[in-house]
């Protein structure tokens, strides 16, 4: 079962239970975890604190570095999901 970070309740109520089922569109909990991880990774790396050119414009990050950060963030998020599942 996929967990969603921000499930949306919509649709018709189920006759049996009278509850609404969540709409399955949106960000998964794993996506949210990965986003939190990558924000922390970027924020804690001093190399990212001054990424501006001589005109003060933000510089583009190396695409290989970005891809590696994303892979690492999802690996950590997957570990978080496994720990979460084991504790239930």
Protein backbone atom coordinates (compact mmCIF):
# COMPACT_ATOMS: atom_id res chain seq x y z
CA UNK A 1 0.00 0.00 0.00
CA UNK A 2 1.33 3.41 -0.95
CA UNK A 3 1.32 6.04 1.76
CA UNK A 4 0.60 9.60 0.68
CA UNK A 5 2.05 12.63 2.41
CA UNK A 6 -1.01 14.74 1.75
CA UNK A 7 -3.98 12.49 0.94
CA UNK A 8 -7.00 14.26 -0.48
CA UNK A 9 -10.41 13.10 0.69
CA UNK A 10 -12.93 13.36 -2.10
CA UNK A 11 -15.43 11.36 -4.07
CA UNK A 12 -18.67 9.77 -3.02
CA UNK A 13 -19.05 8.24 0.41
CA UNK A 14 -18.98 4.48 0.55
CA UNK A 15 -22.41 3.17 1.36
CA UNK A 16 -21.08 0.41 3.65
CA UNK A 17 -18.93 2.53 5.92
CA UNK A 18 -20.04 6.08 5.25
CA UNK A 19 -16.41 7.12 4.82
CA UNK A 20 -14.76 8.78 1.90
CA UNK A 21 -11.73 7.16 0.31
CA UNK A 22 -8.59 9.22 -0.33
CA UNK A 23 -7.85 10.32 -3.85
CA UNK A 24 -4.60 8.62 -4.87
CA UNK A 25 -3.15 11.54 -6.76
CA UNK A 26 -0.38 13.55 -5.27
CA UNK A 27 2.93 13.27 -3.50
CA UNK A 28 3.80 9.98 -1.87
CA UNK A 29 5.22 9.91 1.61
CA UNK A 30 8.47 8.59 0.13
CA UNK A 31 8.59 11.63 -2.19
CA UNK A 32 8.05 13.93 0.78
CA UNK A 33 10.78 12.20 2.79
CA UNK A 34 13.17 12.50 -0.18
CA UNK A 35 12.36 16.20 -0.52
CA UNK A 36 13.11 16.79 3.14
CA UNK A 37 16.38 14.87 2.85
CA UNK A 38 17.56 16.73 -0.26
CA UNK A 39 16.70 20.09 1.31
CA UNK A 40 18.85 19.18 4.32
CA UNK A 41 21.65 17.92 2.07
CA UNK A 42 21.69 21.12 0.03
CA UNK A 43 21.39 23.35 3.07
CA UNK A 44 24.21 21.67 4.96
CA UNK A 45 26.72 21.76 2.10
CA UNK A 46 28.79 24.98 2.31
CA UNK A 47 29.43 24.74 -1.44
CA UNK A 48 25.74 25.49 -2.03
CA UNK A 49 25.60 28.59 0.15
CA UNK A 50 27.36 30.87 -2.34
CA UNK A 51 26.34 29.68 -5.79
CA UNK A 52 26.10 33.10 -7.47
CA UNK A 53 27.94 34.56 -10.42
CA UNK A 54 29.53 38.03 -10.53
CA UNK A 55 26.12 39.57 -11.35
CA UNK A 56 24.50 37.99 -8.28
CA UNK A 57 22.53 35.47 -10.33
CA UNK A 58 22.17 31.93 -9.04
CA UNK A 59 24.51 29.49 -10.81
CA UNK A 60 23.29 26.20 -12.20
CA UNK A 61 24.46 23.14 -10.31
CA UNK A 62 26.33 20.38 -12.09
CA UNK A 63 23.71 17.94 -13.38
CA UNK A 64 25.73 14.92 -12.26
CA UNK A 65 25.84 16.31 -8.72
CA UNK A 66 22.08 16.97 -8.79
CA UNK A 67 21.35 13.43 -10.02
CA UNK A 68 23.59 11.94 -7.32
CA UNK A 69 21.90 14.04 -4.63
CA UNK A 70 18.47 12.89 -5.83
CA UNK A 71 19.53 9.22 -5.85
CA UNK A 72 20.95 9.54 -2.35
CA UNK A 73 17.83 11.31 -1.10
CA UNK A 74 15.58 8.54 -2.44
CA UNK A 75 17.83 5.85 -0.95
CA UNK A 76 17.53 7.51 2.45
CA UNK A 77 13.78 7.97 1.95
CA UNK A 78 13.43 4.26 1.13
CA UNK A 79 15.27 3.39 4.35
CA UNK A 80 12.92 5.70 6.24
CA UNK A 81 9.92 3.93 4.70
CA UNK A 82 11.33 0.53 5.71
CA UNK A 83 11.87 1.64 9.29
CA UNK A 84 8.39 3.14 9.36
CA UNK A 85 6.85 -0.13 8.09
CA UNK A 86 8.82 -2.23 10.58
CA UNK A 87 7.57 -0.15 13.51
CA UNK A 88 3.91 -0.65 12.70
